[in-house]
Amino acid sequence: MCTNKIYSTKSLSKKLSIPLGQSQEMLSYAVYSCENYGQLISLLKSGSFENQNLILAILHSKAEGCLLKFLNTDMNNILSRFNERVKNIKINENTVVEIFGIELTDFKRKIK
């Protein structure tokens, strides 16, 4: 689970040309609905899944359709939270899907 979380933070850092720490904080808030990266790590280590968004920590390029549907269902909330934190860069659905290493065409096909 942590491997993908690390991949997505590195991917976002590279895509937006921002420091890794900033990427970690951004993803913690926007994708996982955590106040900060420390809270995200604590919740993942505890194994508590009261926060349903933590299921997104297992997303990967070959993820099952049900996980992608969960991402799709929460996409508007994720984009809203990103736009709260990122003022100078427009983050869209494509960006969110790509930071998880998922091809957009696969995503579209599997959520139908």
PDB file of N, CA and C in Angstrom:
ATOM      1  N   MET A   1       0.830  -1.189   0.000  1.00  0.00           N
ATOM      2  CA  MET A   1       0.000   0.000   0.000  1.00  0.00           C
ATOM      3  C   MET A   1       0.872   1.250   0.000  1.00  0.00           C
ATOM      4  N   CYS A   2       1.898   1.269   0.813  1.00  0.00           N
ATOM      5  CA  CYS A   2       2.752   2.442   0.893  1.00  0.00           C
ATOM      6  C   CYS A   2       3.521   2.675  -0.393  1.00  0.00           C
ATOM      7  N   THR A   3       3.818   1.616  -1.131  1.00  0.00           N
ATOM      8  CA  THR A   3       4.557   1.764  -2.381  1.00  0.00           C
ATOM      9  C   THR A   3       3.809   2.667  -3.342  1.00  0.00           C
ATOM     10  N   ASN A   4       2.504   2.474  -3.489  1.00  0.00           N
ATOM     11  CA  ASN A   4       1.753   3.310  -4.407  1.00  0.00           C
ATOM     12  C   ASN A   4       1.632   4.732  -3.899  1.00  0.00           C
ATOM     13  N   LYS A   5       1.491   4.897  -2.589  1.00  0.00           N
ATOM     14  CA  LYS A   5       1.421   6.238  -2.026  1.00  0.00           C
ATOM     15  C   LYS A   5       2.711   6.979  -2.334  1.00  0.00           C
ATOM     16  N   ILE A   6       3.828   6.309  -2.235  1.00  0.00           N
ATOM     17  CA  ILE A   6       5.123   6.918  -2.557  1.00  0.00           C
ATOM     18  C   ILE A   6       5.197   7.232  -4.040  1.00  0.00           C
ATOM     19  N   TYR A   7       4.739   6.305  -4.887  1.00  0.00           N
ATOM     20  CA  TYR A   7       4.746   6.537  -6.333  1.00  0.00           C
ATOM     21  C   TYR A   7       3.916   7.768  -6.681  1.00  0.00           C
ATOM     22  N   SER A   8       2.712   7.878  -6.125  1.00  0.00           N
ATOM     23  CA  SER A   8       1.835   8.987  -6.478  1.00  0.00           C
ATOM     24  C   SER A   8       2.395  10.327  -6.002  1.00  0.00           C
ATOM     25  N   THR A   9       3.037  10.367  -4.830  1.00  0.00           N
ATOM     26  CA  THR A   9       3.616  11.632  -4.377  1.00  0.00           C
ATOM     27  C   THR A   9       4.789  12.034  -5.262  1.00  0.00           C
ATOM     28  N   LYS A  10       5.607  11.066  -5.665  1.00  0.00           N
ATOM     29  CA  LYS A  10       6.718  11.374  -6.568  1.00  0.00           C
ATOM     30  C   LYS A  10       6.204  11.802  -7.933  1.00  0.00           C
ATOM     31  N   SER A  11       5.165  11.145  -8.402  1.00  0.00           N
ATOM     32  CA  SER A  11       4.588  11.472  -9.691  1.00  0.00           C
ATOM     33  C   SER A  11       4.026  12.896  -9.698  1.00  0.00           C
ATOM     34  N   LEU A  12       3.297  13.262  -8.646  1.00  0.00           N
ATOM     35  CA  LEU A  12       2.742  14.615  -8.565  1.00  0.00           C
ATOM     36  C   LEU A  12       3.855  15.646  -8.448  1.00  0.00           C
ATOM     37  N   SER A  13       4.872  15.341  -7.663  1.00  0.00           N
ATOM     38  CA  SER A  13       6.007  16.242  -7.505  1.00  0.00           C
ATOM     39  C   SER A  13       6.657  16.530  -8.854  1.00  0.00           C
ATOM     40  N   LYS A  14       6.866  15.486  -9.625  1.00  0.00           N
ATOM     41  CA  LYS A  14       7.489  15.641 -10.939  1.00  0.00           C
ATOM     42  C   LYS A  14       6.562  16.376 -11.911  1.00  0.00           C
ATOM     43  N   LYS A  15       5.290  16.003 -11.933  1.00  0.00           N
ATOM     44  CA  LYS A  15       4.330  16.587 -12.864  1.00  0.00           C
ATOM     45  C   LYS A  15       4.162  18.084 -12.635  1.00  0.00           C
ATOM     46  N   LEU A  16       4.127  18.504 -11.366  1.00  0.00           N
ATOM     47  CA  LEU A  16       3.914  19.916 -11.055  1.00  0.00           C
ATOM     48  C   LEU A  16       5.204  20.674 -10.777  1.00  0.00           C
ATOM     49  N   SER A  17       6.329  19.976 -10.818  1.00  0.00           N
ATOM     50  CA  SER A  17       7.635  20.573 -10.513  1.00  0.00           C
ATOM     51  C   SER A  17       7.626  21.247  -9.138  1.00  0.00           C
ATOM     52  N   ILE A  18       7.205  20.467  -8.142  1.00  0.00           N
ATOM     53  CA  ILE A  18       7.166  20.961  -6.769  1.00  0.00           C
ATOM     54  C   ILE A  18       7.971  20.011  -5.889  1.00  0.00           C
ATOM     55  N   PRO A  19       8.415  20.494  -4.723  1.00  0.00           N
ATOM     56  CA  PRO A  19       9.158  19.612  -3.811  1.00  0.00           C
ATOM     57  C   PRO A  19       8.307  18.426  -3.356  1.00  0.00           C
ATOM     58  N   LEU A  20       8.952  17.314  -3.064  1.00  0.00           N
ATOM     59  CA  LEU A  20       8.272  16.100  -2.633  1.00  0.00           C
ATOM     60  C   LEU A  20       7.424  16.338  -1.384  1.00  0.00           C
ATOM     61  N   GLY A  21       7.940  17.083  -0.436  1.00  0.00           N
ATOM     62  CA  GLY A  21       7.184  17.370   0.790  1.00  0.00           C
ATOM     63  C   GLY A  21       5.885  18.101   0.504  1.00  0.00           C
ATOM     64  N   GLN A  22       5.935  19.029  -0.420  1.00  0.00           N
ATOM     65  CA  GLN A  22       4.720  19.759  -0.806  1.00  0.00           C
ATOM     66  C   GLN A  22       3.730  18.815  -1.484  1.00  0.00           C
ATOM     67  N   SER A  23       4.236  17.937  -2.303  1.00  0.00           N
ATOM     68  CA  SER A  23       3.404  16.942  -2.969  1.00  0.00           C
ATOM     69  C   SER A  23       2.743  16.014  -1.945  1.00  0.00           C
ATOM     70  N   GLN A  24       3.491  15.593  -0.943  1.00  0.00           N
ATOM     71  CA  GLN A  24       2.951  14.721   0.104  1.00  0.00           C
ATOM     72  C   GLN A  24       1.809  15.401   0.852  1.00  0.00           C
ATOM     73  N   GLU A  25       2.008  16.654   1.211  1.00  0.00           N
ATOM     74  CA  GLU A  25       0.972  17.394   1.929  1.00  0.00           C
ATOM     75  C   GLU A  25      -0.263  17.594   1.049  1.00  0.00           C
ATOM     76  N   MET A  26      -0.035  17.912  -0.212  1.00  0.00           N
ATOM     77  CA  MET A  26      -1.130  18.150  -1.149  1.00  0.00           C
ATOM     78  C   MET A  26      -1.975  16.892  -1.335  1.00  0.00           C
ATOM     79  N   LEU A  27      -1.322  15.761  -1.575  1.00  0.00           N
ATOM     80  CA  LEU A  27      -2.051  14.508  -1.762  1.00  0.00           C
ATOM     81  C   LEU A  27      -2.757  14.069  -0.483  1.00  0.00           C
ATOM     82  N   SER A  28      -2.113  14.270   0.645  1.00  0.00           N
ATOM     83  CA  SER A  28      -2.734  13.895   1.919  1.00  0.00           C
ATOM     84  C   SER A  28      -4.072  14.587   2.079  1.00  0.00           C
ATOM     85  N   TYR A  29      -4.099  15.859   1.766  1.00  0.00           N
ATOM     86  CA  TYR A  29      -5.321  16.639   1.914  1.00  0.00           C
ATOM     87  C   TYR A  29      -6.318  16.361   0.780  1.00  0.00           C
ATOM     88  N   ALA A  30      -5.868  16.490  -0.454  1.00  0.00           N
ATOM     89  CA  ALA A  30      -6.781  16.431  -1.602  1.00  0.00           C
ATOM     90  C   ALA A  30      -7.319  15.033  -1.880  1.00  0.00           C
ATOM     91  N   VAL A  31      -6.478  14.040  -1.851  1.00  0.00           N
ATOM     92  CA  VAL A  31      -6.904  12.684  -2.213  1.00  0.00           C
ATOM     93  C   VAL A  31      -7.416  11.911  -1.000  1.00  0.00           C
ATOM     94  N   TYR A  32      -6.692  11.991   0.121  1.00  0.00           N
ATOM     95  CA  TYR A  32      -7.002  11.138   1.262  1.00  0.00           C
ATOM     96  C   TYR A  32      -7.804  11.830   2.363  1.00  0.00           C
ATOM     97  N   SER A  33      -8.128  13.107   2.176  1.00  0.00           N
ATOM     98  CA  SER A  33      -8.917  13.884   3.163  1.00  0.00           C
ATOM     99  C   SER A  33      -8.273  13.906   4.541  1.00  0.00           C
ATOM    100  N   CYS A  34      -6.959  13.976   4.581  1.00  0.00           N
ATOM    101  CA  CYS A  34      -6.235  14.088   5.850  1.00  0.00           C
ATOM    102  C   CYS A  34      -5.742  15.523   6.000  1.00  0.00           C
ATOM    103  N   GLU A  35      -5.570  15.948   7.225  1.00  0.00           N
ATOM    104  CA  GLU A  35      -5.098  17.314   7.467  1.00  0.00           C
ATOM    105  C   GLU A  35      -3.649  17.513   7.008  1.00  0.00           C
ATOM    106  N   ASN A  36      -2.839  16.450   7.114  1.00  0.00           N
ATOM    107  CA  ASN A  36      -1.440  16.557   6.712  1.00  0.00           C
ATOM    108  C   ASN A  36      -0.872  15.162   6.461  1.00  0.00           C
ATOM    109  N   TYR A  37       0.365  15.121   6.006  1.00  0.00           N
ATOM    110  CA  TYR A  37       1.017  13.861   5.663  1.00  0.00           C
ATOM    111  C   TYR A  37       1.213  12.972   6.898  1.00  0.00           C
ATOM    112  N   GLY A  38       1.530  13.590   8.026  1.00  0.00           N
ATOM    113  CA  GLY A  38       1.701  12.822   9.257  1.00  0.00           C
ATOM    114  C   GLY A  38       0.434  12.080   9.647  1.00  0.00           C
ATOM    115  N   GLN A  39      -0.708  12.734   9.510  1.00  0.00           N
ATOM    116  CA  GLN A  39      -1.973  12.084   9.820  1.00  0.00           C
ATOM    117  C   GLN A  39      -2.229  10.923   8.855  1.00  0.00           C
ATOM    118  N   LEU A  40      -1.924  11.117   7.587  1.00  0.00           N
ATOM    119  CA  LEU A  40      -2.093  10.056   6.596  1.00  0.00           C
ATOM    120  C   LEU A  40      -1.266   8.833   6.973  1.00  0.00           C
ATOM    121  N   ILE A  41      -0.006   9.040   7.292  1.00  0.00           N
ATOM    122  CA  ILE A  41       0.879   7.937   7.664  1.00  0.00           C
ATOM    123  C   ILE A  41       0.345   7.223   8.910  1.00  0.00           C
ATOM    124  N   SER A  42      -0.075   7.981   9.904  1.00  0.00           N
ATOM    125  CA  SER A  42      -0.608   7.381  11.135  1.00  0.00           C
ATOM    126  C   SER A  42      -1.836   6.530  10.849  1.00  0.00           C
ATOM    127  N   LEU A  43      -2.745   7.041  10.040  1.00  0.00           N
ATOM    128  CA  LEU A  43      -3.956   6.289   9.718  1.00  0.00           C
ATOM    129  C   LEU A  43      -3.636   5.020   8.931  1.00  0.00           C
ATOM    130  N   LEU A  44      -2.710   5.122   7.997  1.00  0.00           N
ATOM    131  CA  LEU A  44      -2.336   3.931   7.226  1.00  0.00           C
ATOM    132  C   LEU A  44      -1.674   2.881   8.114  1.00  0.00           C
ATOM    133  N   LYS A  45      -0.817   3.319   9.022  1.00  0.00           N
ATOM    134  CA  LYS A  45      -0.144   2.381   9.924  1.00  0.00           C
ATOM    135  C   LYS A  45      -1.112   1.737  10.906  1.00  0.00           C
ATOM    136  N   SER A  46      -2.134   2.481  11.291  1.00  0.00           N
ATOM    137  CA  SER A  46      -3.082   1.960  12.282  1.00  0.00           C
ATOM    138  C   SER A  46      -3.998   0.892  11.698  1.00  0.00           C
ATOM    139  N   GLY A  47      -4.119   0.890  10.376  1.00  0.00           N
ATOM    140  CA  GLY A  47      -5.002  -0.078   9.739  1.00  0.00           C
ATOM    141  C   GLY A  47      -6.468   0.295   9.851  1.00  0.00           C
ATOM    142  N   SER A  48      -6.735   1.466  10.393  1.00  0.00           N
ATOM    143  CA  SER A  48      -8.110   1.949  10.526  1.00  0.00           C
ATOM    144  C   SER A  48      -8.565   2.522   9.192  1.00  0.00           C
ATOM    145  N   PHE A  49      -9.704   2.068   8.755  1.00  0.00           N
ATOM    146  CA  PHE A  49     -10.223   2.589   7.496  1.00  0.00           C
ATOM    147  C   PHE A  49     -11.541   3.321   7.715  1.00  0.00           C
ATOM    148  N   GLU A  50     -11.619   4.051   8.850  1.00  0.00           N
ATOM    149  CA  GLU A  50     -12.774   4.898   9.078  1.00  0.00           C
ATOM    150  C   GLU A  50     -12.854   5.954   7.981  1.00  0.00           C
ATOM    151  N   ASN A  51     -11.704   6.405   7.528  1.00  0.00           N
ATOM    152  CA  ASN A  51     -11.625   7.345   6.415  1.00  0.00           C
ATOM    153  C   ASN A  51     -11.625   6.508   5.131  1.00  0.00           C
ATOM    154  N   GLN A  52     -12.747   6.492   4.443  1.00  0.00           N
ATOM    155  CA  GLN A  52     -12.885   5.656   3.248  1.00  0.00           C
ATOM    156  C   GLN A  52     -11.884   5.998   2.149  1.00  0.00           C
ATOM    157  N   ASN A  53     -11.430   7.228   2.112  1.00  0.00           N
ATOM    158  CA  ASN A  53     -10.500   7.619   1.057  1.00  0.00           C
ATOM    159  C   ASN A  53      -9.157   6.907   1.149  1.00  0.00           C
ATOM    160  N   LEU A  54      -8.869   6.297   2.286  1.00  0.00           N
ATOM    161  CA  LEU A  54      -7.610   5.568   2.426  1.00  0.00           C
ATOM    162  C   LEU A  54      -7.547   4.368   1.482  1.00  0.00           C
ATOM    163  N   ILE A  55      -8.697   3.910   1.025  1.00  0.00           N
ATOM    164  CA  ILE A  55      -8.712   2.807   0.060  1.00  0.00           C
ATOM    165  C   ILE A  55      -7.963   3.213  -1.213  1.00  0.00           C
ATOM    166  N   LEU A  56      -7.902   4.504  -1.493  1.00  0.00           N
ATOM    167  CA  LEU A  56      -7.204   4.983  -2.693  1.00  0.00           C
ATOM    168  C   LEU A  56      -5.695   4.767  -2.597  1.00  0.00           C
ATOM    169  N   ALA A  57      -5.189   4.475  -1.421  1.00  0.00           N
ATOM    170  CA  ALA A  57      -3.753   4.224  -1.251  1.00  0.00           C
ATOM    171  C   ALA A  57      -3.314   2.944  -1.951  1.00  0.00           C
ATOM    172  N   ILE A  58      -4.257   2.096  -2.339  1.00  0.00           N
ATOM    173  CA  ILE A  58      -3.891   0.860  -3.037  1.00  0.00           C
ATOM    174  C   ILE A  58      -4.109   0.944  -4.548  1.00  0.00           C
ATOM    175  N   LEU A  59      -4.485   2.119  -5.031  1.00  0.00           N
ATOM    176  CA  LEU A  59      -4.649   2.282  -6.477  1.00  0.00           C
ATOM    177  C   LEU A  59      -3.329   2.071  -7.195  1.00  0.00           C
ATOM    178  N   HIS A  60      -3.387   1.428  -8.342  1.00  0.00           N
ATOM    179  CA  HIS A  60      -2.201   1.218  -9.156  1.00  0.00           C
ATOM    180  C   HIS A  60      -2.638   1.060 -10.600  1.00  0.00           C
ATOM    181  N   SER A  61      -1.687   0.935 -11.490  1.00  0.00           N
ATOM    182  CA  SER A  61      -1.980   0.925 -12.928  1.00  0.00           C
ATOM    183  C   SER A  61      -2.869  -0.226 -13.379  1.00  0.00           C
ATOM    184  N   LYS A  62      -2.893  -1.307 -12.638  1.00  0.00           N
ATOM    185  CA  LYS A  62      -3.715  -2.462 -13.022  1.00  0.00           C
ATOM    186  C   LYS A  62      -4.858  -2.698 -12.031  1.00  0.00           C
ATOM    187  N   ALA A  63      -5.304  -1.632 -11.398  1.00  0.00           N
ATOM    188  CA  ALA A  63      -6.339  -1.731 -10.371  1.00  0.00           C
ATOM    189  C   ALA A  63      -7.657  -2.241 -10.938  1.00  0.00           C
ATOM    190  N   GLU A  64      -8.385  -2.912 -10.077  1.00  0.00           N
ATOM    191  CA  GLU A  64      -9.710  -3.415 -10.428  1.00  0.00           C
ATOM    192  C   GLU A  64     -10.664  -2.252 -10.678  1.00  0.00           C
ATOM    193  N   GLY A  65     -11.678  -2.530 -11.459  1.00  0.00           N
ATOM    194  CA  GLY A  65     -12.670  -1.521 -11.801  1.00  0.00           C
ATOM    195  C   GLY A  65     -13.352  -0.905 -10.596  1.00  0.00           C
ATOM    196  N   CYS A  66     -13.579  -1.694  -9.543  1.00  0.00           N
ATOM    197  CA  CYS A  66     -14.275  -1.161  -8.366  1.00  0.00           C
ATOM    198  C   CYS A  66     -13.461  -0.055  -7.692  1.00  0.00           C
ATOM    199  N   LEU A  67     -12.131  -0.194  -7.670  1.00  0.00           N
ATOM    200  CA  LEU A  67     -11.288   0.861  -7.094  1.00  0.00           C
ATOM    201  C   LEU A  67     -11.320   2.113  -7.961  1.00  0.00           C
ATOM    202  N   LEU A  68     -11.308   1.905  -9.266  1.00  0.00           N
ATOM    203  CA  LEU A  68     -11.353   3.046 -10.173  1.00  0.00           C
ATOM    204  C   LEU A  68     -12.707   3.746 -10.099  1.00  0.00           C
ATOM    205  N   LYS A  69     -13.752   2.980  -9.898  1.00  0.00           N
ATOM    206  CA  LYS A  69     -15.083   3.575  -9.738  1.00  0.00           C
ATOM    207  C   LYS A  69     -15.149   4.396  -8.455  1.00  0.00           C
ATOM    208  N   PHE A  70     -14.478   3.919  -7.411  1.00  0.00           N
ATOM    209  CA  PHE A  70     -14.429   4.686  -6.162  1.00  0.00           C
ATOM    210  C   PHE A  70     -13.722   6.015  -6.400  1.00  0.00           C
ATOM    211  N   LEU A  71     -12.597   5.975  -7.108  1.00  0.00           N
ATOM    212  CA  LEU A  71     -11.877   7.200  -7.447  1.00  0.00           C
ATOM    213  C   LEU A  71     -12.783   8.120  -8.261  1.00  0.00           C
ATOM    214  N   ASN A  72     -13.458   7.578  -9.239  1.00  0.00           N
ATOM    215  CA  ASN A  72     -14.330   8.375 -10.089  1.00  0.00           C
ATOM    216  C   ASN A  72     -15.467   9.012  -9.285  1.00  0.00           C
ATOM    217  N   THR A  73     -16.042   8.253  -8.358  1.00  0.00           N
ATOM    218  CA  THR A  73     -17.138   8.762  -7.528  1.00  0.00           C
ATOM    219  C   THR A  73     -16.691   9.949  -6.685  1.00  0.00           C
ATOM    220  N   ASP A  74     -15.446   9.904  -6.206  1.00  0.00           N
ATOM    221  CA  ASP A  74     -14.934  10.973  -5.346  1.00  0.00           C
ATOM    222  C   ASP A  74     -14.164  12.043  -6.115  1.00  0.00           C
ATOM    223  N   MET A  75     -14.104  11.929  -7.435  1.00  0.00           N
ATOM    224  CA  MET A  75     -13.271  12.830  -8.243  1.00  0.00           C
ATOM    225  C   MET A  75     -13.601  14.307  -8.031  1.00  0.00           C
ATOM    226  N   ASN A  76     -14.869  14.678  -8.014  1.00  0.00           N
ATOM    227  CA  ASN A  76     -15.214  16.093  -7.834  1.00  0.00           C
ATOM    228  C   ASN A  76     -14.733  16.628  -6.497  1.00  0.00           C
ATOM    229  N   ASN A  77     -14.855  15.822  -5.444  1.00  0.00           N
ATOM    230  CA  ASN A  77     -14.350  16.239  -4.127  1.00  0.00           C
ATOM    231  C   ASN A  77     -12.835  16.388  -4.147  1.00  0.00           C
ATOM    232  N   ILE A  78     -12.164  15.444  -4.775  1.00  0.00           N
ATOM    233  CA  ILE A  78     -10.699  15.497  -4.871  1.00  0.00           C
ATOM    234  C   ILE A  78     -10.270  16.755  -5.621  1.00  0.00           C
ATOM    235  N   LEU A  79     -10.910  17.022  -6.745  1.00  0.00           N
ATOM    236  CA  LEU A  79     -10.562  18.213  -7.534  1.00  0.00           C
ATOM    237  C   LEU A  79     -10.835  19.493  -6.752  1.00  0.00           C
ATOM    238  N   SER A  80     -11.919  19.530  -6.011  1.00  0.00           N
ATOM    239  CA  SER A  80     -12.222  20.712  -5.184  1.00  0.00           C
ATOM    240  C   SER A  80     -11.149  20.933  -4.124  1.00  0.00           C
ATOM    241  N   ARG A  81     -10.745  19.846  -3.465  1.00  0.00           N
ATOM    242  CA  ARG A  81      -9.707  19.977  -2.435  1.00  0.00           C
ATOM    243  C   ARG A  81      -8.369  20.376  -3.047  1.00  0.00           C
ATOM    244  N   PHE A  82      -8.040  19.833  -4.229  1.00  0.00           N
ATOM    245  CA  PHE A  82      -6.812  20.259  -4.906  1.00  0.00           C
ATOM    246  C   PHE A  82      -6.870  21.745  -5.202  1.00  0.00           C
ATOM    247  N   ASN A  83      -7.975  22.210  -5.740  1.00  0.00           N
ATOM    248  CA  ASN A  83      -8.089  23.610  -6.117  1.00  0.00           C
ATOM    249  C   ASN A  83      -8.090  24.546  -4.921  1.00  0.00           C
ATOM    250  N   GLU A  84      -8.452  24.055  -3.728  1.00  0.00           N
ATOM    251  CA  GLU A  84      -8.318  24.838  -2.502  1.00  0.00           C
ATOM    252  C   GLU A  84      -6.850  25.067  -2.174  1.00  0.00           C
ATOM    253  N   ARG A  85      -6.018  24.047  -2.422  1.00  0.00           N
ATOM    254  CA  ARG A  85      -4.608  24.093  -2.037  1.00  0.00           C
ATOM    255  C   ARG A  85      -3.679  24.612  -3.138  1.00  0.00           C
ATOM    256  N   VAL A  86      -4.059  24.398  -4.377  1.00  0.00           N
ATOM    257  CA  VAL A  86      -3.184  24.766  -5.495  1.00  0.00           C
ATOM    258  C   VAL A  86      -3.845  25.902  -6.263  1.00  0.00           C
ATOM    259  N   LYS A  87      -3.310  27.074  -6.129  1.00  0.00           N
ATOM    260  CA  LYS A  87      -3.938  28.249  -6.744  1.00  0.00           C
ATOM    261  C   LYS A  87      -3.422  28.530  -8.152  1.00  0.00           C
ATOM    262  N   ASN A  88      -2.168  28.273  -8.416  1.00  0.00           N
ATOM    263  CA  ASN A  88      -1.561  28.674  -9.689  1.00  0.00           C
ATOM    264  C   ASN A  88      -1.635  27.616 -10.778  1.00  0.00           C
ATOM    265  N   ILE A  89      -2.009  26.402 -10.423  1.00  0.00           N
ATOM    266  CA  ILE A  89      -1.997  25.296 -11.380  1.00  0.00           C
ATOM    267  C   ILE A  89      -3.379  24.658 -11.405  1.00  0.00           C
ATOM    268  N   LYS A  90      -3.904  24.478 -12.590  1.00  0.00           N
ATOM    269  CA  LYS A  90      -5.198  23.824 -12.732  1.00  0.00           C
ATOM    270  C   LYS A  90      -4.993  22.318 -12.743  1.00  0.00           C
ATOM    271  N   ILE A  91      -5.584  21.644 -11.792  1.00  0.00           N
ATOM    272  CA  ILE A  91      -5.501  20.190 -11.717  1.00  0.00           C
ATOM    273  C   ILE A  91      -6.841  19.638 -12.175  1.00  0.00           C
ATOM    274  N   ASN A  92      -6.785  18.726 -13.124  1.00  0.00           N
ATOM    275  CA  ASN A  92      -8.018  18.158 -13.661  1.00  0.00           C
ATOM    276  C   ASN A  92      -8.047  16.644 -13.453  1.00  0.00           C
ATOM    277  N   GLU A  93      -9.111  16.020 -13.922  1.00  0.00           N
ATOM    278  CA  GLU A  93      -9.287  14.577 -13.767  1.00  0.00           C
ATOM    279  C   GLU A  93      -8.111  13.803 -14.353  1.00  0.00           C
ATOM    280  N   ASN A  94      -7.635  14.229 -15.508  1.00  0.00           N
ATOM    281  CA  ASN A  94      -6.506  13.545 -16.146  1.00  0.00           C
ATOM    282  C   ASN A  94      -5.285  13.531 -15.240  1.00  0.00           C
ATOM    283  N   THR A  95      -5.006  14.663 -14.604  1.00  0.00           N
ATOM    284  CA  THR A  95      -3.854  14.754 -13.708  1.00  0.00           C
ATOM    285  C   THR A  95      -4.005  13.780 -12.549  1.00  0.00           C
ATOM    286  N   VAL A  96      -5.180  13.748 -11.950  1.00  0.00           N
ATOM    287  CA  VAL A  96      -5.413  12.864 -10.803  1.00  0.00           C
ATOM    288  C   VAL A  96      -5.214  11.412 -11.208  1.00  0.00           C
ATOM    289  N   VAL A  97      -5.783  11.023 -12.329  1.00  0.00           N
ATOM    290  CA  VAL A  97      -5.656   9.638 -12.797  1.00  0.00           C
ATOM    291  C   VAL A  97      -4.195   9.305 -13.089  1.00  0.00           C
ATOM    292  N   GLU A  98      -3.497  10.209 -13.743  1.00  0.00           N
ATOM    293  CA  GLU A  98      -2.098   9.967 -14.129  1.00  0.00           C
ATOM    294  C   GLU A  98      -1.159   9.850 -12.938  1.00  0.00           C
ATOM    295  N   ILE A  99      -1.426  10.570 -11.850  1.00  0.00           N
ATOM    296  CA  ILE A  99      -0.498  10.489 -10.714  1.00  0.00           C
ATOM    297  C   ILE A  99      -0.538   9.119 -10.049  1.00  0.00           C
ATOM    298  N   PHE A 100      -1.584   8.345 -10.328  1.00  0.00           N
ATOM    299  CA  PHE A 100      -1.649   6.977  -9.822  1.00  0.00           C
ATOM    300  C   PHE A 100      -1.077   5.984 -10.824  1.00  0.00           C
ATOM    301  N   GLY A 101      -0.527   6.476 -11.925  1.00  0.00           N
ATOM    302  CA  GLY A 101       0.072   5.592 -12.923  1.00  0.00           C
ATOM    303  C   GLY A 101      -0.957   4.868 -13.770  1.00  0.00           C
ATOM    304  N   ILE A 102      -2.168   5.403 -13.832  1.00  0.00           N
ATOM    305  CA  ILE A 102      -3.256   4.772 -14.578  1.00  0.00           C
ATOM    306  C   ILE A 102      -3.423   5.489 -15.908  1.00  0.00           C
ATOM    307  N   GLU A 103      -3.513   4.713 -16.970  1.00  0.00           N
ATOM    308  CA  GLU A 103      -3.768   5.286 -18.287  1.00  0.00           C
ATOM    309  C   GLU A 103      -5.202   5.800 -18.326  1.00  0.00           C
ATOM    310  N   LEU A 104      -5.393   6.997 -18.862  1.00  0.00           N
ATOM    311  CA  LEU A 104      -6.716   7.595 -18.899  1.00  0.00           C
ATOM    312  C   LEU A 104      -7.710   6.738 -19.683  1.00  0.00           C
ATOM    313  N   THR A 105      -7.262   6.125 -20.776  1.00  0.00           N
ATOM    314  CA  THR A 105      -8.170   5.279 -21.566  1.00  0.00           C
ATOM    315  C   THR A 105      -8.609   4.056 -20.762  1.00  0.00           C
ATOM    316  N   ASP A 106      -7.692   3.461 -19.993  1.00  0.00           N
ATOM    317  CA  ASP A 106      -8.059   2.333 -19.122  1.00  0.00           C
ATOM    318  C   ASP A 106      -9.046   2.774 -18.052  1.00  0.00           C
ATOM    319  N   PHE A 107      -8.797   3.929 -17.476  1.00  0.00           N
ATOM    320  CA  PHE A 107      -9.682   4.467 -16.447  1.00  0.00           C
ATOM    321  C   PHE A 107     -11.098   4.627 -17.004  1.00  0.00           C
ATOM    322  N   LYS A 108     -11.211   5.284 -18.141  1.00  0.00           N
ATOM    323  CA  LYS A 108     -12.528   5.530 -18.754  1.00  0.00           C
ATOM    324  C   LYS A 108     -13.231   4.209 -19.072  1.00  0.00           C
ATOM    325  N   ARG A 109     -12.476   3.246 -19.577  1.00  0.00           N
ATOM    326  CA  ARG A 109     -13.057   1.965 -19.950  1.00  0.00           C
ATOM    327  C   ARG A 109     -13.542   1.190 -18.735  1.00  0.00           C
ATOM    328  N   LYS A 110     -12.773   1.216 -17.655  1.00  0.00           N
ATOM    329  CA  LYS A 110     -13.102   0.411 -16.479  1.00  0.00           C
ATOM    330  C   LYS A 110     -14.189   1.024 -15.594  1.00  0.00           C
ATOM    331  N   ILE A 111     -14.447   2.331 -15.708  1.00  0.00           N
ATOM    332  CA  ILE A 111     -15.472   2.925 -14.855  1.00  0.00           C
ATOM    333  C   ILE A 111     -16.867   2.816 -15.457  1.00  0.00           C
ATOM    334  N   LYS A 112     -16.944   2.336 -16.671  1.00  0.00           N
ATOM    335  CA  LYS A 112     -18.264   2.192 -17.320  1.00  0.00           C
ATOM    336  C   LYS A 112     -18.971   0.957 -16.846  1.00  0.00           C
TER     337      LYS A 112
END
